[in-house]
Amino acid sequence: MIQEYVRKHYMQEISMQDAARAMNYSDSYFCKLFKQCFDQNFTTYLTDVRIREAKRLLADQGMSVRDVGLNVGYGDSRYFSRVFKRMTGMLPSEYRDRHYAQK
C-alpha cells in the first residue's frame, strides 16, 4: 500500500506526513513502520523512486533535463541536478550523454 502511494504521487510534492495521513497512521508510527519495512526512511525511499524514474525519462532525448526534474517531483532544476549527482555521481546531462548518446 505504501509503495503504491509513492508510485502514484512521487511526481508531486509529498512528505512523510502526507503519506502517513494517507495511510491513516500517526507520523511517529508511520516513520517507525516504514523504517522496519524498507530499511530506510521515507525521504530516501522517495528520492530513490524519483531518481530511478528520472534515469528512465532521460532516455527521451527530446525532454529537457528541467522537464525530467519537473516530471519526477522537483520544481527546481538546480536542486534536481544536485540530488541526481549525489545519488548517481553525475549530473543528469552527463548521465544522458553516457547512457543514451547517439552512436
Protein backbone atom coordinates (compact mmCIF):
# COMPACT_ATOMS: atom_id res chain seq x y z
CA MET A 1 0.00 0.00 0.00
CA ILE A 2 2.78 2.44 0.89
CA GLN A 3 4.68 1.57 -2.28
CA GLU A 4 1.53 2.13 -4.33
CA TYR A 5 1.01 5.54 -2.72
CA VAL A 6 4.59 6.57 -3.58
CA ARG A 7 4.26 5.27 -7.15
CA LYS A 8 1.09 7.32 -7.64
CA HIS A 9 2.38 10.52 -6.02
CA TYR A 10 6.20 10.66 -6.42
CA MET A 11 5.85 13.38 -9.08
CA GLN A 12 4.08 15.65 -6.60
CA GLU A 13 5.44 17.48 -3.60
CA ILE A 14 4.79 14.89 -0.89
CA SER A 15 6.17 14.41 2.59
CA MET A 16 6.33 11.61 5.09
CA GLN A 17 3.46 13.32 6.91
CA ASP A 18 1.34 13.27 3.74
CA ALA A 19 1.98 9.56 3.31
CA ALA A 20 1.24 8.86 6.99
CA ARG A 21 -2.09 10.69 6.71
CA ALA A 22 -2.97 8.84 3.51
CA MET A 23 -2.36 5.52 5.32
CA ASN A 24 -4.26 6.71 8.43
CA TYR A 25 -1.19 6.37 10.67
CA SER A 26 0.32 8.78 13.11
CA ASP A 27 3.56 10.33 11.90
CA SER A 28 5.67 8.55 14.51
CA TYR A 29 4.11 5.12 13.88
CA PHE A 30 4.39 5.52 10.11
CA CYS A 31 8.04 6.54 10.40
CA LYS A 32 8.85 3.52 12.56
CA LEU A 33 6.86 1.12 10.37
CA PHE A 34 8.39 2.47 7.18
CA LYS A 35 11.92 2.04 8.52
CA GLN A 36 11.13 -1.54 9.58
CA CYS A 37 9.61 -2.46 6.22
CA PHE A 38 12.04 -0.73 3.86
CA ASP A 39 15.22 -0.42 5.94
CA GLN A 40 15.43 3.29 5.04
CA ASN A 41 13.48 6.42 5.81
CA PHE A 42 10.65 7.73 3.67
CA THR A 43 12.63 10.60 2.14
CA THR A 44 15.43 8.29 0.99
CA TYR A 45 12.91 5.86 -0.48
CA LEU A 46 11.07 8.67 -2.30
CA THR A 47 14.35 10.04 -3.65
CA ASP A 48 15.33 6.57 -4.93
CA VAL A 49 12.00 6.24 -6.74
CA ARG A 50 12.34 9.70 -8.27
CA ILE A 51 15.92 9.16 -9.45
CA ARG A 52 15.07 5.75 -10.93
CA GLU A 53 12.25 7.34 -12.91
CA ALA A 54 14.46 10.28 -13.92
CA LYS A 55 17.00 7.84 -15.36
CA ARG A 56 14.26 6.28 -17.44
CA LEU A 57 12.98 9.66 -18.64
CA LEU A 58 16.47 10.81 -19.59
CA ALA A 59 16.37 8.27 -22.43
CA ASP A 60 13.96 10.65 -24.18
CA GLN A 61 16.39 12.99 -25.94
CA GLY A 62 13.53 15.40 -26.67
CA MET A 63 12.80 16.01 -22.99
CA SER A 64 14.93 18.66 -21.30
CA VAL A 65 16.66 17.92 -18.01
CA ARG A 66 14.45 20.60 -16.46
CA ASP A 67 11.32 18.79 -17.67
CA VAL A 68 12.64 15.48 -16.39
CA GLY A 69 13.09 17.08 -12.97
CA LEU A 70 9.58 18.52 -13.05
CA ASN A 71 8.12 15.16 -14.07
CA VAL A 72 9.68 13.39 -11.10
CA GLY A 73 8.68 15.94 -8.48
CA TYR A 74 11.47 18.53 -8.41
CA GLY A 75 10.27 22.07 -9.09
CA ASP A 76 13.81 23.47 -9.01
CA SER A 77 16.04 22.08 -11.77
CA ARG A 78 19.25 23.01 -9.91
CA TYR A 79 18.11 21.09 -6.86
CA PHE A 80 17.14 18.14 -9.07
CA SER A 81 20.62 18.18 -10.62
CA ARG A 82 22.28 18.27 -7.18
CA VAL A 83 20.20 15.37 -5.88
CA PHE A 84 20.75 13.38 -9.08
CA LYS A 85 24.52 13.93 -8.84
CA ARG A 86 24.56 12.96 -5.16
CA MET A 87 22.71 9.72 -5.96
CA THR A 88 24.46 8.74 -9.21
CA GLY A 89 27.80 10.53 -9.18
CA MET A 90 26.99 12.53 -12.31
CA LEU A 91 24.74 15.33 -13.48
CA PRO A 92 21.57 14.35 -15.38
CA SER A 93 23.04 15.66 -18.64
CA GLU A 94 26.22 13.61 -18.09
CA TYR A 95 24.12 10.54 -17.33
CA ARG A 96 22.13 11.06 -20.53
CA ASP A 97 25.27 11.55 -22.61
CA ARG A 98 26.94 8.49 -21.12
CA HIS A 99 23.97 6.13 -21.31
CA TYR A 100 21.92 7.32 -24.25
CA ALA A 101 24.36 9.02 -26.62
CA GLN A 102 23.55 8.64 -30.31
CA LYS A 103 26.11 6.31 -31.87
